[in-house]
Amino acid sequence: RCDVQLRARLQDAWAELSHDDIYKQPDLPEDLRARAKDLAELLATADRIASDIRSRVLRETESPKHRPEMGRVSEAGLAFGFKEVFGRSPPDYVVRQALNLCDRLQILSLEGFPDVLGRPAFRERVDEAYRTIMGIGIWPEELFLAALYTLAKGEDRAIGWVRKKARDEWKELDEFARREALCCLPDTVEELIEAIESPGFNADINVWADAVGASGNCAICGTTVIQSFSFAESVVRHYEVPADQDGDVLERIEVALVASGAETGGCGDGSLCSYDNEQMARVN
């Protein structure tokens, strides 16, 4: 089983704010709770307005039934090229993005554009470049823009543009996942240590370690390896443990982590899991 939450950007910002500043504050004065409710209602209104705007920009630009003049850049020409390949009219926002891209790349003519977009080898190469980073295929709208980039700069430059875009998107998703994972940490460092020390401990320690940037993968088999000291240091910083207590807390976390059975790697730089580290030691 898994819990999937779908949020708008404003909903996510509100959840992040309220989780630490409101829901984790049992003694929050009633007047502040009332102000928080006012803010929630204000953000809900803003979210509805944003949804209305999004609905408008997702409305399709109607494609002409016959091939328009392609010797210049136009909405009709872009919409025609999109529908020729994907069988549907493009959303308004994609046409506007395409017009902006044409202006930025100084594209003055759409001659050859439908041919580039319709070439299977081109679409496959772009899809592979995106899939290698994101793990899923590229959206038609992004492929459409990549074809314009090819028209102006050539296919290799377009592939580089697609890869950069995919890396930026992956970074945003990764940062979001880390924020969510941090929200799942116990309220206090003592509760976290007790949880790890508990015989019935069943939380995903790998998620916690990844959230605080203290995990990696075995260089041989890819198993997630937790750097115990790095994890302990990150936890101490996260909970802002006082300097006169951090030594004991660091030691307790490291000991509890190793005793929990989590994969903390073999001796050395932690680039190998314990099994592969042992096999390499035997070979050497």
C-alpha atoms as a PDB file:
ATOM      1  CA  ARG A   1       0.000   0.000   0.000  1.00  0.00           C
ATOM      2  CA  CYS A   2       1.063   3.578  -0.509  1.00  0.00           C
ATOM      3  CA  ASP A   3      -0.400   7.001   0.220  1.00  0.00           C
ATOM      4  CA  VAL A   4      -0.446   9.278  -2.826  1.00  0.00           C
ATOM      5  CA  GLN A   5      -1.097  13.002  -2.327  1.00  0.00           C
ATOM      6  CA  LEU A   6      -1.866  15.252  -5.292  1.00  0.00           C
ATOM      7  CA  ARG A   7      -1.281  18.918  -4.507  1.00  0.00           C
ATOM      8  CA  ALA A   8      -1.192  22.200  -6.338  1.00  0.00           C
ATOM      9  CA  ARG A   9       1.916  24.313  -5.677  1.00  0.00           C
ATOM     10  CA  LEU A  10      -0.004  26.518  -3.237  1.00  0.00           C
ATOM     11  CA  GLN A  11      -1.368  23.467  -1.436  1.00  0.00           C
ATOM     12  CA  ASP A  12       2.152  22.084  -1.101  1.00  0.00           C
ATOM     13  CA  ALA A  13       3.478  25.400   0.243  1.00  0.00           C
ATOM     14  CA  TRP A  14       0.653  25.517   2.784  1.00  0.00           C
ATOM     15  CA  ALA A  15       1.223  21.906   3.858  1.00  0.00           C
ATOM     16  CA  GLU A  16       4.926  22.573   4.396  1.00  0.00           C
ATOM     17  CA  LEU A  17       4.227  25.721   6.412  1.00  0.00           C
ATOM     18  CA  SER A  18       1.420  24.326   8.539  1.00  0.00           C
ATOM     19  CA  HIS A  19       3.119  21.002   9.281  1.00  0.00           C
ATOM     20  CA  ASP A  20       5.931  22.520  11.333  1.00  0.00           C
ATOM     21  CA  ASP A  21       4.492  25.873  12.396  1.00  0.00           C
ATOM     22  CA  ILE A  22       0.953  24.836  13.316  1.00  0.00           C
ATOM     23  CA  TYR A  23       0.210  21.126  13.590  1.00  0.00           C
ATOM     24  CA  LYS A  24       3.384  20.392  15.560  1.00  0.00           C
ATOM     25  CA  GLN A  25       2.660  23.212  18.023  1.00  0.00           C
ATOM     26  CA  PRO A  26       0.229  21.891  20.649  1.00  0.00           C
ATOM     27  CA  ASP A  27       0.304  25.155  22.645  1.00  0.00           C
ATOM     28  CA  LEU A  28      -0.384  27.479  19.715  1.00  0.00           C
ATOM     29  CA  PRO A  29      -2.669  30.314  20.927  1.00  0.00           C
ATOM     30  CA  GLU A  30      -6.245  30.189  19.684  1.00  0.00           C
ATOM     31  CA  ASP A  31      -5.984  33.593  17.999  1.00  0.00           C
ATOM     32  CA  LEU A  32      -3.060  32.342  15.903  1.00  0.00           C
ATOM     33  CA  ARG A  33      -5.033  29.261  14.928  1.00  0.00           C
ATOM     34  CA  ALA A  34      -7.820  31.573  13.768  1.00  0.00           C
ATOM     35  CA  ARG A  35      -5.338  33.617  11.694  1.00  0.00           C
ATOM     36  CA  ALA A  36      -3.977  30.385  10.236  1.00  0.00           C
ATOM     37  CA  LYS A  37      -7.521  29.463   9.221  1.00  0.00           C
ATOM     38  CA  ASP A  38      -7.896  32.875   7.538  1.00  0.00           C
ATOM     39  CA  LEU A  39      -4.652  32.298   5.656  1.00  0.00           C
ATOM     40  CA  ALA A  40      -5.767  28.821   4.586  1.00  0.00           C
ATOM     41  CA  GLU A  41      -8.992  30.254   3.155  1.00  0.00           C
ATOM     42  CA  LEU A  42      -7.055  32.999   1.347  1.00  0.00           C
ATOM     43  CA  LEU A  43      -4.716  30.467  -0.213  1.00  0.00           C
ATOM     44  CA  ALA A  44      -7.687  28.295  -1.191  1.00  0.00           C
ATOM     45  CA  THR A  45      -9.163  31.262  -3.055  1.00  0.00           C
ATOM     46  CA  ALA A  46      -5.820  31.931  -4.765  1.00  0.00           C
ATOM     47  CA  ASP A  47      -5.617  28.257  -5.695  1.00  0.00           C
ATOM     48  CA  ARG A  48      -9.049  28.351  -7.327  1.00  0.00           C
ATOM     49  CA  ILE A  49      -8.026  31.436  -9.328  1.00  0.00           C
ATOM     50  CA  ALA A  50      -4.817  29.684 -10.391  1.00  0.00           C
ATOM     51  CA  SER A  51      -6.857  26.639 -11.456  1.00  0.00           C
ATOM     52  CA  ASP A  52      -9.101  28.859 -13.584  1.00  0.00           C
ATOM     53  CA  ILE A  53      -6.031  30.388 -15.236  1.00  0.00           C
ATOM     54  CA  ARG A  54      -4.577  26.940 -15.858  1.00  0.00           C
ATOM     55  CA  SER A  55      -7.824  25.735 -17.425  1.00  0.00           C
ATOM     56  CA  ARG A  56      -7.679  28.697 -19.772  1.00  0.00           C
ATOM     57  CA  VAL A  57      -4.078  28.164 -20.864  1.00  0.00           C
ATOM     58  CA  LEU A  58      -4.722  24.446 -21.414  1.00  0.00           C
ATOM     59  CA  ARG A  59      -7.449  25.268 -23.919  1.00  0.00           C
ATOM     60  CA  GLU A  60      -6.432  24.094 -27.350  1.00  0.00           C
ATOM     61  CA  THR A  61      -5.410  26.293 -30.269  1.00  0.00           C
ATOM     62  CA  GLU A  62      -7.513  25.116 -33.181  1.00  0.00           C
ATOM     63  CA  SER A  63      -5.403  23.744 -36.018  1.00  0.00           C
ATOM     64  CA  PRO A  64      -6.227  24.806 -39.604  1.00  0.00           C
ATOM     65  CA  LYS A  65      -7.703  22.119 -41.840  1.00  0.00           C
ATOM     66  CA  HIS A  66      -5.320  22.916 -44.695  1.00  0.00           C
ATOM     67  CA  ARG A  67      -1.574  23.491 -44.647  1.00  0.00           C
ATOM     68  CA  PRO A  68      -0.953  27.215 -43.986  1.00  0.00           C
ATOM     69  CA  GLU A  69       1.916  29.350 -45.242  1.00  0.00           C
ATOM     70  CA  MET A  70       5.049  27.899 -43.583  1.00  0.00           C
ATOM     71  CA  GLY A  71       7.486  30.517 -44.868  1.00  0.00           C
ATOM     72  CA  ARG A  72       6.906  32.546 -41.719  1.00  0.00           C
ATOM     73  CA  VAL A  73       6.273  31.847 -38.039  1.00  0.00           C
ATOM     74  CA  SER A  74       2.586  31.824 -37.089  1.00  0.00           C
ATOM     75  CA  GLU A  75       0.188  30.234 -34.609  1.00  0.00           C
ATOM     76  CA  ALA A  76      -1.552  28.475 -37.485  1.00  0.00           C
ATOM     77  CA  GLY A  77       1.701  26.973 -38.774  1.00  0.00           C
ATOM     78  CA  LEU A  78       2.742  25.748 -35.339  1.00  0.00           C
ATOM     79  CA  ALA A  79      -0.692  24.283 -34.605  1.00  0.00           C
ATOM     80  CA  PHE A  80      -0.727  22.571 -38.008  1.00  0.00           C
ATOM     81  CA  GLY A  81       2.711  20.991 -37.429  1.00  0.00           C
ATOM     82  CA  PHE A  82       1.651  19.717 -34.005  1.00  0.00           C
ATOM     83  CA  LYS A  83      -1.584  18.153 -35.252  1.00  0.00           C
ATOM     84  CA  GLU A  84       0.102  16.591 -38.274  1.00  0.00           C
ATOM     85  CA  VAL A  85       2.270  14.486 -35.974  1.00  0.00           C
ATOM     86  CA  PHE A  86       0.236  13.994 -32.800  1.00  0.00           C
ATOM     87  CA  GLY A  87      -3.276  13.964 -34.217  1.00  0.00           C
ATOM     88  CA  ARG A  88      -4.661  16.684 -31.973  1.00  0.00           C
ATOM     89  CA  SER A  89      -4.490  20.432 -31.611  1.00  0.00           C
ATOM     90  CA  PRO A  90      -1.860  21.844 -29.195  1.00  0.00           C
ATOM     91  CA  PRO A  91      -2.729  23.637 -25.932  1.00  0.00           C
ATOM     92  CA  ASP A  92      -2.629  27.444 -26.052  1.00  0.00           C
ATOM     93  CA  TYR A  93       0.300  27.652 -23.652  1.00  0.00           C
ATOM     94  CA  VAL A  94       2.458  25.402 -25.847  1.00  0.00           C
ATOM     95  CA  VAL A  95       1.836  27.591 -28.888  1.00  0.00           C
ATOM     96  CA  ARG A  96       2.825  30.667 -26.854  1.00  0.00           C
ATOM     97  CA  GLN A  97       5.957  28.891 -25.603  1.00  0.00           C
ATOM     98  CA  ALA A  98       6.773  27.975 -29.197  1.00  0.00           C
ATOM     99  CA  LEU A  99       6.311  31.559 -30.389  1.00  0.00           C
ATOM    100  CA  ASN A 100       8.589  32.804 -27.607  1.00  0.00           C
ATOM    101  CA  LEU A 101      11.171  30.152 -28.476  1.00  0.00           C
ATOM    102  CA  CYS A 102      11.045  31.133 -32.148  1.00  0.00           C
ATOM    103  CA  ASP A 103      11.661  34.732 -31.156  1.00  0.00           C
ATOM    104  CA  ARG A 104      14.536  33.826 -28.835  1.00  0.00           C
ATOM    105  CA  LEU A 105      16.191  31.508 -31.367  1.00  0.00           C
ATOM    106  CA  GLN A 106      15.494  33.933 -34.244  1.00  0.00           C
ATOM    107  CA  ILE A 107      13.466  31.389 -36.206  1.00  0.00           C
ATOM    108  CA  LEU A 108      11.842  33.271 -39.092  1.00  0.00           C
ATOM    109  CA  SER A 109      10.395  30.376 -41.101  1.00  0.00           C
ATOM    110  CA  LEU A 110       8.647  27.073 -40.306  1.00  0.00           C
ATOM    111  CA  GLU A 111       9.705  25.462 -43.568  1.00  0.00           C
ATOM    112  CA  GLY A 112      11.048  22.018 -42.720  1.00  0.00           C
ATOM    113  CA  PHE A 113       9.554  22.066 -39.211  1.00  0.00           C
ATOM    114  CA  PRO A 114       6.820  19.430 -39.833  1.00  0.00           C
ATOM    115  CA  ASP A 115       9.460  17.198 -41.452  1.00  0.00           C
ATOM    116  CA  VAL A 116      11.745  17.434 -38.406  1.00  0.00           C
ATOM    117  CA  LEU A 117       8.920  16.784 -35.950  1.00  0.00           C
ATOM    118  CA  GLY A 118       7.543  13.930 -38.046  1.00  0.00           C
ATOM    119  CA  ARG A 119      10.860  12.078 -38.379  1.00  0.00           C
ATOM    120  CA  PRO A 120      10.663   8.877 -36.239  1.00  0.00           C
ATOM    121  CA  ALA A 121      14.443   8.725 -35.664  1.00  0.00           C
ATOM    122  CA  PHE A 122      14.404  12.254 -34.246  1.00  0.00           C
ATOM    123  CA  ARG A 123      11.483  11.548 -31.910  1.00  0.00           C
ATOM    124  CA  GLU A 124      13.085   8.323 -30.702  1.00  0.00           C
ATOM    125  CA  ARG A 125      16.404  10.032 -29.983  1.00  0.00           C
ATOM    126  CA  VAL A 126      14.752  12.868 -28.047  1.00  0.00           C
ATOM    127  CA  ASP A 127      12.603  10.416 -26.102  1.00  0.00           C
ATOM    128  CA  GLU A 128      15.644   8.321 -25.177  1.00  0.00           C
ATOM    129  CA  ALA A 129      17.576  11.390 -23.975  1.00  0.00           C
ATOM    130  CA  TYR A 130      14.691  12.383 -21.723  1.00  0.00           C
ATOM    131  CA  ARG A 131      13.875   8.844 -20.551  1.00  0.00           C
ATOM    132  CA  THR A 132      17.489   8.160 -19.531  1.00  0.00           C
ATOM    133  CA  ILE A 133      17.229  10.882 -16.878  1.00  0.00           C
ATOM    134  CA  MET A 134      13.539  10.920 -15.932  1.00  0.00           C
ATOM    135  CA  GLY A 135      12.691   7.249 -16.409  1.00  0.00           C
ATOM    136  CA  ILE A 136       9.578   8.060 -18.465  1.00  0.00           C
ATOM    137  CA  GLY A 137       8.973   9.139 -22.037  1.00  0.00           C
ATOM    138  CA  ILE A 138       8.917  12.782 -23.045  1.00  0.00           C
ATOM    139  CA  TRP A 139       5.604  14.599 -23.454  1.00  0.00           C
ATOM    140  CA  PRO A 140       4.513  15.528 -26.997  1.00  0.00           C
ATOM    141  CA  GLU A 141       4.532  19.211 -25.993  1.00  0.00           C
ATOM    142  CA  GLU A 142       8.212  19.052 -25.009  1.00  0.00           C
ATOM    143  CA  LEU A 143       9.096  17.077 -28.125  1.00  0.00           C
ATOM    144  CA  PHE A 144       7.359  19.788 -30.144  1.00  0.00           C
ATOM    145  CA  LEU A 145       9.626  22.470 -28.643  1.00  0.00           C
ATOM    146  CA  ALA A 146      12.696  20.270 -29.155  1.00  0.00           C
ATOM    147  CA  ALA A 147      11.891  20.131 -32.876  1.00  0.00           C
ATOM    148  CA  LEU A 148      11.945  23.941 -33.011  1.00  0.00           C
ATOM    149  CA  TYR A 149      15.284  23.920 -31.221  1.00  0.00           C
ATOM    150  CA  THR A 150      16.558  21.471 -33.867  1.00  0.00           C
ATOM    151  CA  LEU A 151      15.335  23.761 -36.624  1.00  0.00           C
ATOM    152  CA  ALA A 152      17.449  26.598 -35.219  1.00  0.00           C
ATOM    153  CA  LYS A 153      20.491  24.909 -33.666  1.00  0.00           C
ATOM    154  CA  GLY A 154      20.667  21.386 -35.030  1.00  0.00           C
ATOM    155  CA  GLU A 155      19.723  18.040 -33.531  1.00  0.00           C
ATOM    156  CA  ASP A 156      22.724  17.625 -31.212  1.00  0.00           C
ATOM    157  CA  ARG A 157      22.103  20.996 -29.561  1.00  0.00           C
ATOM    158  CA  ALA A 158      18.436  20.102 -29.207  1.00  0.00           C
ATOM    159  CA  ILE A 159      19.326  16.842 -27.449  1.00  0.00           C
ATOM    160  CA  GLY A 160      21.519  18.807 -25.019  1.00  0.00           C
ATOM    161  CA  TRP A 161      18.599  21.158 -24.352  1.00  0.00           C
ATOM    162  CA  VAL A 162      16.297  18.190 -23.645  1.00  0.00           C
ATOM    163  CA  ARG A 163      18.798  16.623 -21.242  1.00  0.00           C
ATOM    164  CA  LYS A 164      19.226  19.877 -19.316  1.00  0.00           C
ATOM    165  CA  LYS A 165      15.461  20.263 -19.070  1.00  0.00           C
ATOM    166  CA  ALA A 166      15.120  16.690 -17.792  1.00  0.00           C
ATOM    167  CA  ARG A 167      17.864  17.224 -15.187  1.00  0.00           C
ATOM    168  CA  ASP A 168      16.152  20.393 -13.941  1.00  0.00           C
ATOM    169  CA  GLU A 169      12.822  18.580 -13.662  1.00  0.00           C
ATOM    170  CA  TRP A 170      14.410  15.652 -11.841  1.00  0.00           C
ATOM    171  CA  LYS A 171      16.131  18.006  -9.405  1.00  0.00           C
ATOM    172  CA  GLU A 172      12.804  19.675  -8.615  1.00  0.00           C
ATOM    173  CA  LEU A 173      11.124  16.299  -8.017  1.00  0.00           C
ATOM    174  CA  ASP A 174      14.029  15.123  -5.852  1.00  0.00           C
ATOM    175  CA  GLU A 175      13.913  18.263  -3.699  1.00  0.00           C
ATOM    176  CA  PHE A 176      10.164  17.842  -3.252  1.00  0.00           C
ATOM    177  CA  ALA A 177      10.598  14.187  -2.225  1.00  0.00           C
ATOM    178  CA  ARG A 178      13.285  15.136   0.300  1.00  0.00           C
ATOM    179  CA  ARG A 179      11.035  17.798   1.856  1.00  0.00           C
ATOM    180  CA  GLU A 180       8.238  15.265   2.176  1.00  0.00           C
ATOM    181  CA  ALA A 181      10.588  12.712   3.737  1.00  0.00           C
ATOM    182  CA  LEU A 182      11.850  15.282   6.259  1.00  0.00           C
ATOM    183  CA  CYS A 183       8.244  15.878   7.306  1.00  0.00           C
ATOM    184  CA  CYS A 184       8.016  12.165   8.154  1.00  0.00           C
ATOM    185  CA  LEU A 185      10.861  12.358  10.673  1.00  0.00           C
ATOM    186  CA  PRO A 186       9.805  12.083  14.342  1.00  0.00           C
ATOM    187  CA  ASP A 187       9.164  15.350  16.174  1.00  0.00           C
ATOM    188  CA  THR A 188      12.277  15.129  18.376  1.00  0.00           C
ATOM    189  CA  VAL A 189      15.717  13.578  18.117  1.00  0.00           C
ATOM    190  CA  GLU A 190      14.951  11.442  21.181  1.00  0.00           C
ATOM    191  CA  GLU A 191      11.905   9.974  19.467  1.00  0.00           C
ATOM    192  CA  LEU A 192      13.984   9.235  16.381  1.00  0.00           C
ATOM    193  CA  ILE A 193      16.661   7.417  18.397  1.00  0.00           C
ATOM    194  CA  GLU A 194      14.052   5.459  20.344  1.00  0.00           C
ATOM    195  CA  ALA A 195      12.379   4.477  17.092  1.00  0.00           C
ATOM    196  CA  ILE A 196      15.643   3.134  15.629  1.00  0.00           C
ATOM    197  CA  GLU A 197      16.523   1.383  18.903  1.00  0.00           C
ATOM    198  CA  SER A 198      13.097  -0.253  19.121  1.00  0.00           C
ATOM    199  CA  PRO A 199      13.124  -4.024  18.350  1.00  0.00           C
ATOM    200  CA  GLY A 200       9.967  -3.572  16.301  1.00  0.00           C
ATOM    201  CA  PHE A 201      11.407  -0.689  14.274  1.00  0.00           C
ATOM    202  CA  ASN A 202       9.829  -0.808  10.820  1.00  0.00           C
ATOM    203  CA  ALA A 203      10.135   2.721   9.419  1.00  0.00           C
ATOM    204  CA  ASP A 204      12.045   3.075   6.176  1.00  0.00           C
ATOM    205  CA  ILE A 205      15.393   4.245   7.459  1.00  0.00           C
ATOM    206  CA  ASN A 206      16.612   4.495   3.848  1.00  0.00           C
ATOM    207  CA  VAL A 207      14.027   7.222   3.207  1.00  0.00           C
ATOM    208  CA  TRP A 208      15.179   9.145   6.281  1.00  0.00           C
ATOM    209  CA  ALA A 209      18.843   8.819   5.272  1.00  0.00           C
ATOM    210  CA  ASP A 210      18.102   9.962   1.724  1.00  0.00           C
ATOM    211  CA  ALA A 211      16.126  12.939   3.057  1.00  0.00           C
ATOM    212  CA  VAL A 212      19.118  14.208   5.028  1.00  0.00           C
ATOM    213  CA  GLY A 213      21.586  13.417   2.243  1.00  0.00           C
ATOM    214  CA  ALA A 214      23.338  10.558   4.033  1.00  0.00           C
ATOM    215  CA  SER A 215      22.875   7.640   1.662  1.00  0.00           C
ATOM    216  CA  GLY A 216      24.401   6.349  -1.529  1.00  0.00           C
ATOM    217  CA  ASN A 217      24.491   3.212  -3.640  1.00  0.00           C
ATOM    218  CA  CYS A 218      26.934   0.343  -3.667  1.00  0.00           C
ATOM    219  CA  ALA A 219      29.275   0.813  -6.617  1.00  0.00           C
ATOM    220  CA  ILE A 220      28.873  -2.861  -7.562  1.00  0.00           C
ATOM    221  CA  CYS A 221      25.300  -3.983  -6.884  1.00  0.00           C
ATOM    222  CA  GLY A 222      23.479  -0.665  -6.382  1.00  0.00           C
ATOM    223  CA  THR A 223      22.176  -1.502  -2.894  1.00  0.00           C
ATOM    224  CA  THR A 224      21.342   1.577  -0.809  1.00  0.00           C
ATOM    225  CA  VAL A 225      24.112   2.203   1.714  1.00  0.00           C
ATOM    226  CA  ILE A 226      23.627   4.542   4.678  1.00  0.00           C
ATOM    227  CA  GLN A 227      26.688   6.481   5.842  1.00  0.00           C
ATOM    228  CA  SER A 228      26.085   6.123   9.577  1.00  0.00           C
ATOM    229  CA  PHE A 229      28.277   9.001  10.759  1.00  0.00           C
ATOM    230  CA  SER A 230      27.000  11.327   8.059  1.00  0.00           C
ATOM    231  CA  PHE A 231      23.435  10.352   8.969  1.00  0.00           C
ATOM    232  CA  ALA A 232      24.074  11.053  12.651  1.00  0.00           C
ATOM    233  CA  GLU A 233      25.652  14.434  11.888  1.00  0.00           C
ATOM    234  CA  SER A 234      22.767  15.417   9.620  1.00  0.00           C
ATOM    235  CA  VAL A 235      20.217  14.419  12.251  1.00  0.00           C
ATOM    236  CA  VAL A 236      22.032  16.490  14.876  1.00  0.00           C
ATOM    237  CA  ARG A 237      21.911  19.517  12.558  1.00  0.00           C
ATOM    238  CA  HIS A 238      18.280  18.925  11.627  1.00  0.00           C
ATOM    239  CA  TYR A 239      17.132  18.849  15.250  1.00  0.00           C
ATOM    240  CA  GLU A 240      19.594  21.575  16.291  1.00  0.00           C
ATOM    241  CA  VAL A 241      20.992  19.482  19.142  1.00  0.00           C
ATOM    242  CA  PRO A 242      22.953  21.676  21.632  1.00  0.00           C
ATOM    243  CA  ALA A 243      26.742  21.459  21.362  1.00  0.00           C
ATOM    244  CA  ASP A 244      27.097  20.025  24.876  1.00  0.00           C
ATOM    245  CA  GLN A 245      24.871  17.060  23.924  1.00  0.00           C
ATOM    246  CA  ASP A 246      25.797  16.338  20.325  1.00  0.00           C
ATOM    247  CA  GLY A 247      28.613  13.889  21.170  1.00  0.00           C
ATOM    248  CA  ASP A 248      26.331  11.518  23.068  1.00  0.00           C
ATOM    249  CA  VAL A 249      23.567  11.871  20.482  1.00  0.00           C
ATOM    250  CA  LEU A 250      25.961  11.116  17.612  1.00  0.00           C
ATOM    251  CA  GLU A 251      27.170   7.957  19.331  1.00  0.00           C
ATOM    252  CA  ARG A 252      23.665   6.745  20.192  1.00  0.00           C
ATOM    253  CA  ILE A 253      22.460   7.230  16.615  1.00  0.00           C
ATOM    254  CA  GLU A 254      25.430   5.415  15.093  1.00  0.00           C
ATOM    255  CA  VAL A 255      25.140   2.479  17.478  1.00  0.00           C
ATOM    256  CA  ALA A 256      21.361   2.255  17.019  1.00  0.00           C
ATOM    257  CA  LEU A 257      21.696   2.446  13.238  1.00  0.00           C
ATOM    258  CA  VAL A 258      24.202  -0.413  13.059  1.00  0.00           C
ATOM    259  CA  ALA A 259      22.144  -2.509  15.512  1.00  0.00           C
ATOM    260  CA  SER A 260      18.979  -1.958  13.463  1.00  0.00           C
ATOM    261  CA  GLY A 261      20.333  -4.110  10.661  1.00  0.00           C
ATOM    262  CA  ALA A 262      20.331  -1.266   8.131  1.00  0.00           C
ATOM    263  CA  GLU A 263      22.967  -1.539   5.409  1.00  0.00           C
ATOM    264  CA  THR A 264      25.756   0.778   6.520  1.00  0.00           C
ATOM    265  CA  GLY A 265      28.436  -0.563   4.169  1.00  0.00           C
ATOM    266  CA  GLY A 266      31.779  -2.155   4.795  1.00  0.00           C
ATOM    267  CA  CYS A 267      34.997  -0.630   6.051  1.00  0.00           C
ATOM    268  CA  GLY A 268      36.547   2.161   4.049  1.00  0.00           C
ATOM    269  CA  ASP A 269      34.854   4.962   2.157  1.00  0.00           C
ATOM    270  CA  GLY A 270      31.351   3.426   2.225  1.00  0.00           C
ATOM    271  CA  SER A 271      31.179   3.026  -1.555  1.00  0.00           C
ATOM    272  CA  LEU A 272      30.411  -0.699  -1.205  1.00  0.00           C
ATOM    273  CA  CYS A 273      27.745  -2.611   0.691  1.00  0.00           C
ATOM    274  CA  SER A 274      28.981  -4.954   3.423  1.00  0.00           C
ATOM    275  CA  TYR A 275      28.652  -8.061   1.223  1.00  0.00           C
ATOM    276  CA  ASP A 276      30.578  -6.674  -1.749  1.00  0.00           C
ATOM    277  CA  ASN A 277      33.136  -5.112   0.578  1.00  0.00           C
ATOM    278  CA  GLU A 278      33.763  -8.565   2.082  1.00  0.00           C
ATOM    279  CA  GLN A 279      34.054 -10.185  -1.369  1.00  0.00           C
ATOM    280  CA  MET A 280      36.535  -7.538  -2.497  1.00  0.00           C
ATOM    281  CA  ALA A 281      38.571  -8.044   0.668  1.00  0.00           C
ATOM    282  CA  ARG A 282      38.811 -11.776  -0.082  1.00  0.00           C
ATOM    283  CA  VAL A 283      39.967 -11.128  -3.641  1.00  0.00           C
ATOM    284  CA  ASN A 284      42.620  -8.716  -2.454  1.00  0.00           C
END
